[in-house]
Every structure is written in C-alpha cells, then in structure tokens.
N, C-alpha and C. Protein backbone atom coordinates (compact mmCIF):
# COMPACT_ATOMS: atom_id res chain seq x y z
N MET A 1 0.90 -0.99 0.23
CA MET A 1 0.03 -0.01 -0.23
C MET A 1 0.97 1.32 0.03
N LYS A 2 1.70 1.16 0.77
CA LYS A 2 2.71 2.59 0.84
C LYS A 2 3.17 2.61 -0.42
N LYS A 3 4.12 1.82 -0.90
CA LYS A 3 4.69 1.33 -2.42
C LYS A 3 4.10 1.97 -3.26
N MET A 4 2.30 1.81 -3.38
CA MET A 4 1.34 2.02 -4.19
C MET A 4 1.11 3.52 -4.13
N PHE A 5 1.40 4.13 -3.36
CA PHE A 5 0.82 5.63 -3.00
C PHE A 5 2.13 6.35 -3.31
N ILE A 6 3.25 5.84 -2.86
CA ILE A 6 4.66 6.51 -3.36
C ILE A 6 4.70 6.68 -4.88
N ALA A 7 4.49 5.32 -6.01
CA ALA A 7 4.66 5.23 -6.98
C ALA A 7 3.18 6.54 -7.52
N GLY A 8 1.90 6.45 -6.57
CA GLY A 8 1.41 7.18 -7.37
C GLY A 8 1.75 8.95 -7.01
N ILE A 9 2.40 9.58 -6.30
CA ILE A 9 2.86 10.65 -6.00
C ILE A 9 3.67 10.91 -7.39
N VAL A 10 4.59 10.05 -7.11
CA VAL A 10 6.01 9.82 -8.28
C VAL A 10 5.48 10.10 -9.70
N VAL A 11 4.32 9.56 -10.06
CA VAL A 11 3.74 9.25 -11.25
C VAL A 11 2.78 11.08 -11.42
N ILE A 12 2.29 11.71 -10.29
CA ILE A 12 2.21 12.82 -10.35
C ILE A 12 2.94 14.14 -10.49
N CYS A 13 3.92 13.85 -10.02
CA CYS A 13 5.06 14.64 -9.85
C CYS A 13 5.56 14.73 -11.29
N VAL A 14 5.73 13.85 -11.83
CA VAL A 14 6.61 13.22 -13.28
C VAL A 14 5.34 14.06 -14.57
N SER A 15 4.28 13.89 -14.05
CA SER A 15 3.28 13.92 -15.43
C SER A 15 3.48 16.06 -14.94
N LEU A 16 3.34 16.53 -13.74
CA LEU A 16 3.24 18.17 -13.58
C LEU A 16 4.77 18.44 -14.25
N ILE A 17 6.11 17.58 -13.65
CA ILE A 17 6.92 18.49 -13.96
C ILE A 17 6.93 18.38 -16.16
N TYR A 18 6.47 17.35 -16.59
CA TYR A 18 6.32 17.27 -18.06
C TYR A 18 5.43 18.19 -18.31
N THR A 19 4.13 18.61 -17.87
CA THR A 19 3.27 19.86 -18.20
C THR A 19 3.77 21.18 -17.93
N ILE A 20 4.65 21.16 -17.13
CA ILE A 20 5.15 22.49 -16.97
C ILE A 20 6.16 22.60 -17.83
N GLU A 21 7.21 21.53 -18.12
CA GLU A 21 8.17 21.36 -19.03
C GLU A 21 7.75 22.28 -20.67
N GLN A 22 6.57 21.73 -21.07
CA GLN A 22 5.95 21.68 -22.07
C GLN A 22 5.33 23.38 -21.91
N ASP A 23 4.93 23.99 -21.27
CA ASP A 23 4.91 25.33 -21.36
C ASP A 23 5.60 26.36 -21.85
N PHE A 24 7.08 25.84 -21.19
CA PHE A 24 8.31 26.65 -21.36
C PHE A 24 8.87 26.04 -22.67
N ILE A 25 8.52 25.12 -23.55
CA ILE A 25 9.46 24.77 -24.82
C ILE A 25 8.72 25.28 -25.80
N LYS A 26 6.99 25.60 -25.48
CA LYS A 26 6.04 25.92 -26.60
C LYS A 26 6.55 26.69 -27.77
N PRO A 27 6.70 26.63 -29.23
CA PRO A 27 7.27 26.95 -30.05
C PRO A 27 6.54 28.41 -30.39
N LYS A 28 7.53 29.53 -30.32
CA LYS A 28 6.62 30.78 -30.71
C LYS A 28 5.98 30.79 -31.92
N ILE A 29 4.64 30.99 -31.91
CA ILE A 29 3.92 31.20 -33.03
C ILE A 29 3.84 32.59 -33.62
N LYS A 30 4.44 32.98 -34.57
CA LYS A 30 4.25 34.09 -34.99
C LYS A 30 2.99 34.73 -35.37
N LYS A 31 2.01 35.34 -35.06
CA LYS A 31 0.71 35.99 -35.43
C LYS A 31 0.91 37.07 -36.40
N TYR A 32 0.50 36.86 -38.01
CA TYR A 32 0.34 37.98 -38.95
C TYR A 32 -1.38 38.43 -38.67
N PHE A 33 -1.09 40.12 -39.30
CA PHE A 33 -1.99 40.80 -38.95
C PHE A 33 -2.68 41.26 -40.34
N SER A 34 -3.69 41.25 -40.34
CA SER A 34 -4.37 41.52 -41.76
C SER A 34 -4.08 43.50 -42.13
N GLU A 35 -4.59 43.43 -43.53
CA GLU A 35 -4.05 45.00 -43.83
C GLU A 35 -5.35 45.76 -42.86
N GLN A 36 -6.31 44.78 -42.62
CA GLN A 36 -7.93 45.76 -42.27
C GLN A 36 -7.33 46.11 -40.95
N GLN A 37 -6.58 45.34 -40.05
CA GLN A 37 -6.24 45.64 -39.09
C GLN A 37 -5.51 46.09 -38.57
N CYS A 38 -4.30 46.69 -39.39
CA CYS A 38 -3.56 47.92 -39.45
C CYS A 38 -4.14 48.71 -39.30
N ILE A 39 -5.03 49.12 -40.49
CA ILE A 39 -5.78 50.34 -40.58
C ILE A 39 -6.26 50.66 -39.64
N GLU A 40 -6.88 50.07 -39.01
CA GLU A 40 -8.10 50.10 -37.74
C GLU A 40 -7.00 50.53 -36.77
N LEU A 41 -5.77 50.17 -36.59
CA LEU A 41 -4.70 50.19 -35.49
C LEU A 41 -4.58 51.89 -35.49
N ASN A 42 -4.20 52.28 -36.85
CA ASN A 42 -4.08 54.14 -37.42
C ASN A 42 -5.38 54.40 -37.21
N ALA A 43 -6.30 53.97 -37.46
CA ALA A 43 -7.66 54.73 -36.98
C ALA A 43 -7.38 55.19 -35.64
N ASP A 44 -7.34 54.31 -34.64
CA ASP A 44 -7.11 54.11 -33.44
C ASP A 44 -5.74 55.11 -32.93
N ILE A 45 -4.96 55.42 -33.93
CA ILE A 45 -3.86 56.57 -33.46
C ILE A 45 -4.31 57.52 -33.68
N ILE A 46 -4.71 57.96 -34.23
CA ILE A 46 -5.77 59.29 -34.94
C ILE A 46 -6.60 59.71 -34.14
N VAL A 47 -7.31 58.74 -33.56
CA VAL A 47 -8.57 59.46 -32.82
C VAL A 47 -7.59 60.09 -31.37
N VAL A 48 -6.71 59.32 -30.79
CA VAL A 48 -6.27 58.95 -29.66
C VAL A 48 -4.95 60.16 -29.71
N SER A 49 -4.54 60.77 -30.84
CA SER A 49 -3.74 61.74 -31.14
C SER A 49 -4.42 63.11 -31.19
N THR A 50 -5.47 63.02 -31.92
CA THR A 50 -6.37 64.12 -32.18
C THR A 50 -6.93 64.43 -30.51
N ASP A 51 -7.06 63.76 -29.35
CA ASP A 51 -7.49 64.17 -28.22
C ASP A 51 -6.16 64.56 -27.43
N ILE A 52 -4.89 63.85 -27.84
CA ILE A 52 -4.08 64.92 -26.81
C ILE A 52 -3.91 65.83 -27.26
N THR A 53 -4.12 66.04 -29.19
CA THR A 53 -3.49 67.48 -29.29
C THR A 53 -4.80 68.51 -28.67
N GLY A 54 -6.05 67.99 -28.81
CA GLY A 54 -7.01 69.22 -28.41
C GLY A 54 -6.56 69.34 -26.61
N LEU A 55 -5.65 68.26 -25.93
CA LEU A 55 -5.58 68.86 -24.28
C LEU A 55 -3.90 69.51 -24.60
N LEU A 56 -3.13 69.38 -25.39
CA LEU A 56 -2.48 70.05 -25.39
C LEU A 56 -2.40 71.75 -26.00
N ALA A 57 -3.56 71.65 -26.36
CA ALA A 57 -3.78 73.24 -26.97
C ALA A 57 -4.73 73.46 -25.33
N ASP A 58 -5.71 73.10 -24.80
CA ASP A 58 -5.83 73.65 -23.43
C ASP A 58 -4.61 73.96 -22.59
N ILE A 59 -3.56 72.78 -22.61
CA ILE A 59 -2.52 73.53 -21.79
C ILE A 59 -1.77 74.43 -21.99
N SER A 60 -1.71 74.48 -23.25
CA SER A 60 -0.89 75.74 -24.32
C SER A 60 -1.74 76.99 -23.64
N LYS A 61 -2.62 77.30 -23.75
CA LYS A 61 -3.70 78.44 -23.61
C LYS A 61 -3.57 78.70 -21.66
N ALA A 62 -3.49 77.40 -21.01
CA ALA A 62 -3.30 78.06 -19.80
C ALA A 62 -2.28 78.62 -18.98
N ILE A 63 -1.04 77.83 -20.06
CA ILE A 63 0.31 78.29 -19.74
C ILE A 63 0.62 79.64 -20.10
N PHE A 64 -0.08 79.78 -21.11
CA PHE A 64 -0.13 81.15 -22.08
C PHE A 64 -0.45 82.31 -21.07
N LEU A 65 -1.63 82.08 -20.24
CA LEU A 65 -2.56 83.02 -19.22
C LEU A 65 -1.94 82.98 -18.04
N ILE A 66 -1.00 82.10 -17.66
CA ILE A 66 -0.35 82.23 -16.75
C ILE A 66 0.42 82.90 -16.77
N THR A 67 1.66 82.70 -17.66
CA THR A 67 2.94 83.54 -18.31
C THR A 67 2.29 85.38 -18.27
N ARG A 68 1.47 85.31 -18.94
CA ARG A 68 0.56 86.49 -19.35
C ARG A 68 0.76 87.21 -18.25
N ASN A 69 -0.29 86.35 -17.19
CA ASN A 69 -0.40 87.55 -15.70
C ASN A 69 1.01 87.53 -15.24
N SER A 70 1.55 87.08 -14.86
CA SER A 70 3.09 86.99 -14.68
C SER A 70 3.99 88.42 -15.11
N LEU A 71 4.04 87.93 -16.40
CA LEU A 71 4.55 89.13 -16.77
C LEU A 71 3.79 90.79 -16.54
N LYS A 72 2.90 90.88 -16.77
CA LYS A 72 2.23 91.99 -16.46
C LYS A 72 2.52 92.25 -14.85
N LYS A 73 2.40 91.25 -13.80
CA LYS A 73 3.07 92.00 -12.61
C LYS A 73 4.43 91.87 -12.82
N VAL A 74 5.54 91.57 -13.53
CA VAL A 74 6.56 92.03 -13.20
C VAL A 74 6.47 93.41 -13.72
N ASN A 75 6.32 93.79 -15.10
CA ASN A 75 6.22 94.85 -15.99
C ASN A 75 5.72 96.17 -14.76
N ALA A 76 4.64 95.89 -14.18
CA ALA A 76 3.85 96.86 -13.10
C ALA A 76 5.05 97.21 -12.10
N TYR A 77 5.63 96.08 -11.74
CA TYR A 77 6.83 96.52 -10.74
C TYR A 77 7.94 97.12 -11.20
N VAL A 78 8.44 96.98 -12.64
CA VAL A 78 9.23 97.73 -12.83
C VAL A 78 9.38 98.95 -13.54
N ASP A 79 7.96 99.34 -13.78
CA ASP A 79 7.14 100.40 -14.07
C ASP A 79 7.02 101.16 -12.85
N GLY A 80 7.63 100.75 -11.97
CA GLY A 80 7.14 101.31 -10.38
C GLY A 80 6.02 101.60 -9.86
N GLU A 81 4.95 100.89 -10.48
CA GLU A 81 3.65 100.61 -9.52
C GLU A 81 3.63 99.59 -8.45
N LYS A 82 3.35 100.49 -7.23
CA LYS A 82 3.40 99.82 -6.04
C LYS A 82 2.00 98.65 -5.73
N ASN A 83 2.27 97.70 -5.09
CA ASN A 83 1.42 96.40 -4.84
C ASN A 83 0.36 97.20 -3.87
N ILE A 84 -0.56 97.22 -3.27
CA ILE A 84 -1.59 97.42 -2.22
C ILE A 84 -2.14 96.44 -1.51
N LEU A 85 -1.04 95.37 -1.42
CA LEU A 85 -1.44 94.20 -0.93
C LEU A 85 -0.89 94.30 0.64
N ASP A 86 -1.64 93.33 1.89
CA ASP A 86 -1.15 93.60 2.98
C ASP A 86 0.16 92.17 3.33
N LYS A 87 0.57 92.39 4.33
CA LYS A 87 1.51 91.35 4.35
C LYS A 87 1.33 90.30 4.25
N THR A 88 0.19 90.02 4.57
CA THR A 88 -1.14 88.84 5.06
C THR A 88 -1.33 88.00 3.48
N GLU A 89 -1.88 89.12 2.55
CA GLU A 89 -2.51 88.87 1.33
C GLU A 89 -1.41 88.36 0.30
N ARG A 90 -0.13 89.19 1.04
CA ARG A 90 1.15 89.27 0.05
C ARG A 90 1.51 88.00 -0.01
N THR A 91 1.86 87.63 1.35
CA THR A 91 2.08 86.30 2.13
C THR A 91 1.16 84.61 1.09
N GLU A 92 -0.19 85.36 1.35
CA GLU A 92 -0.71 84.10 1.17
C GLU A 92 -0.54 83.96 -0.93
N LEU A 93 -0.52 85.11 -1.59
CA LEU A 93 -0.24 84.98 -2.80
C LEU A 93 1.06 84.52 -3.02
N TYR A 94 2.29 84.75 -2.60
CA TYR A 94 3.46 84.15 -2.46
C TYR A 94 3.52 82.70 -2.62
N GLU A 95 2.74 81.68 -1.36
CA GLU A 95 2.58 80.74 -1.17
C GLU A 95 1.64 80.39 -2.63
N LYS A 96 0.77 80.74 -2.96
CA LYS A 96 -0.02 80.37 -4.22
C LYS A 96 1.00 80.06 -5.34
N ASN A 97 1.68 81.18 -5.32
CA ASN A 97 2.58 81.64 -6.80
C ASN A 97 3.26 80.25 -6.59
N LYS A 98 4.08 80.05 -5.42
CA LYS A 98 4.96 78.81 -5.18
C LYS A 98 4.54 77.58 -5.52
N LYS A 99 3.48 77.37 -5.54
CA LYS A 99 2.48 75.89 -5.37
C LYS A 99 2.91 75.27 -7.03
N LEU A 100 2.14 76.89 -7.31
CA LEU A 100 1.68 76.79 -9.44
C LEU A 100 3.43 76.89 -9.53
N LEU A 101 4.01 77.20 -9.40
CA LEU A 101 5.71 77.10 -9.77
C LEU A 101 6.05 75.86 -9.83
N HIS A 102 5.51 75.41 -8.38
CA HIS A 102 5.78 73.60 -8.58
C HIS A 102 5.48 72.94 -9.38
N GLN A 103 3.90 72.79 -9.73
CA GLN A 103 3.19 72.33 -10.42
C GLN A 103 3.61 72.49 -11.74
N LEU A 104 3.91 73.75 -12.47
CA LEU A 104 4.52 73.92 -13.47
C LEU A 104 6.04 73.19 -13.96
N LYS A 105 6.34 73.32 -13.11
CA LYS A 105 8.09 72.10 -12.95
C LYS A 105 7.88 70.60 -13.32
N CYS A 106 6.77 70.10 -12.45
CA CYS A 106 6.10 68.63 -12.46
C CYS A 106 5.39 68.35 -14.05
N CYS A 107 4.44 69.47 -14.47
CA CYS A 107 4.60 69.56 -15.93
C CYS A 107 5.42 69.59 -16.55
N ASN A 108 6.34 70.33 -16.85
CA ASN A 108 7.63 69.91 -17.58
C ASN A 108 8.28 69.08 -17.58
N ASP A 109 8.60 68.50 -16.44
CA ASP A 109 9.38 67.19 -16.26
C ASP A 109 8.52 65.82 -17.18
N GLU A 110 6.96 65.94 -16.85
CA GLU A 110 6.36 64.68 -17.30
C GLU A 110 6.51 64.87 -18.91
N LEU A 111 6.04 66.89 -19.50
CA LEU A 111 6.03 66.42 -20.94
C LEU A 111 7.67 65.97 -21.38
N GLN A 112 8.70 66.35 -20.65
CA GLN A 112 10.13 66.11 -21.58
C GLN A 112 10.30 64.61 -21.22
N LYS A 113 9.62 63.82 -20.19
CA LYS A 113 9.36 62.08 -20.24
C LYS A 113 8.44 61.83 -21.90
N ILE A 114 7.60 62.36 -21.70
CA ILE A 114 6.29 62.16 -22.98
C ILE A 114 7.20 62.19 -24.43
N GLN A 115 8.18 63.52 -24.17
CA GLN A 115 8.90 63.66 -25.59
C GLN A 115 9.92 63.01 -25.66
N ILE A 116 10.96 62.16 -25.09
CA ILE A 116 11.45 61.11 -25.03
C ILE A 116 11.01 59.66 -25.39
N LEU A 117 9.95 59.72 -24.72
CA LEU A 117 9.40 57.95 -25.21
C LEU A 117 8.82 58.29 -26.80
N LEU A 118 8.28 59.41 -27.41
CA LEU A 118 7.43 59.79 -28.75
C LEU A 118 8.55 60.06 -29.41
N LYS A 119 9.96 60.15 -29.36
CA LYS A 119 11.08 60.94 -29.90
C LYS A 119 11.22 59.74 -31.23
N PRO A 120 11.72 58.44 -30.55
CA PRO A 120 11.78 57.20 -31.43
C PRO A 120 10.92 57.19 -32.65
N HIS A 121 9.54 57.06 -31.94
CA HIS A 121 8.20 57.21 -33.40
C HIS A 121 7.89 58.19 -34.22
N GLU A 122 8.40 59.26 -33.76
CA GLU A 122 8.59 60.28 -34.67
C GLU A 122 9.57 60.22 -35.91
N VAL A 123 10.99 59.82 -35.21
CA VAL A 123 11.93 59.72 -36.60
C VAL A 123 11.39 58.45 -37.51
N MET A 124 10.41 57.63 -37.04
CA MET A 124 9.93 56.25 -37.82
C MET A 124 8.77 56.95 -38.84
N PHE A 125 7.91 57.89 -38.43
CA PHE A 125 7.28 58.39 -39.38
C PHE A 125 7.59 59.77 -40.09
N GLN A 126 8.72 60.27 -39.82
CA GLN A 126 9.54 60.86 -40.30
C GLN A 126 9.71 60.91 -42.26
N SER A 127 10.36 59.34 -42.31
CA SER A 127 10.79 58.94 -43.14
C SER A 127 9.44 57.92 -44.26
N GLU A 128 8.44 58.07 -43.95
CA GLU A 128 7.32 57.48 -44.72
C GLU A 128 7.05 58.70 -45.65
C-alpha cells in the first residue's frame, strides 16, 4: 500500500514536471495581421492623437494665461507701480504662486519624459 502511494506521487510529480516543461518549450507562433487590422490600428492612433492635441491646446492656453499674468505683474513692478496688498495677502499670494511654480515644473518634467518616449516614433514616421 505504501509503495502504491509513493508510486502515485511519483507519477503525479512526473506528469506535473512534464506539463510545466511543455509550457516553457512551446514554439513561438508568429501572428500575422491583416491590412484591415493595420488600418484600424492607425485609425485608433488618429483618435488618440487628436484627443492629445486638444489637451495640449488647452494646456498651452492655460500656460499662456499664467505667463501673461506674471509678465503683467513684473512689468508693473518695473514701471514703479506699488502693490496695495498687505503682508498677509502678499504672503498668501506668494505661497499660491510657489505651488503654481512647483506644478509647472512637474508638468514640464512629465512633458519632457513624454517627448523622450515619442521621439523614436517621430523619426520612424518622418521617413514615410
């Protein structure tokens, strides 16, 4: 009885090892895509790219408005205009602008990462 139990365990172990080995040894089957699938993929790229372009336009507008506002404040200071804010208001505005600067730097870093990711693809499509 003990020998049959051990033999059963050995058979199970051998079959498990064989099954696992077959999963690792499977030949790689290359899948080919139809022309329609390629066109559909390009259509999806167009949709996503258009969405991104819209987002970038909105971001550009927001950055333009932020830059314009900051330029107005710097120019007003250079022209000698005095700010009528008290210490508390000025401190709150400074903290708010400090957070804005941090957010702009983070956005800049993320956009640079995206630019690096997309650069090889840009080169690929320029040759077409």
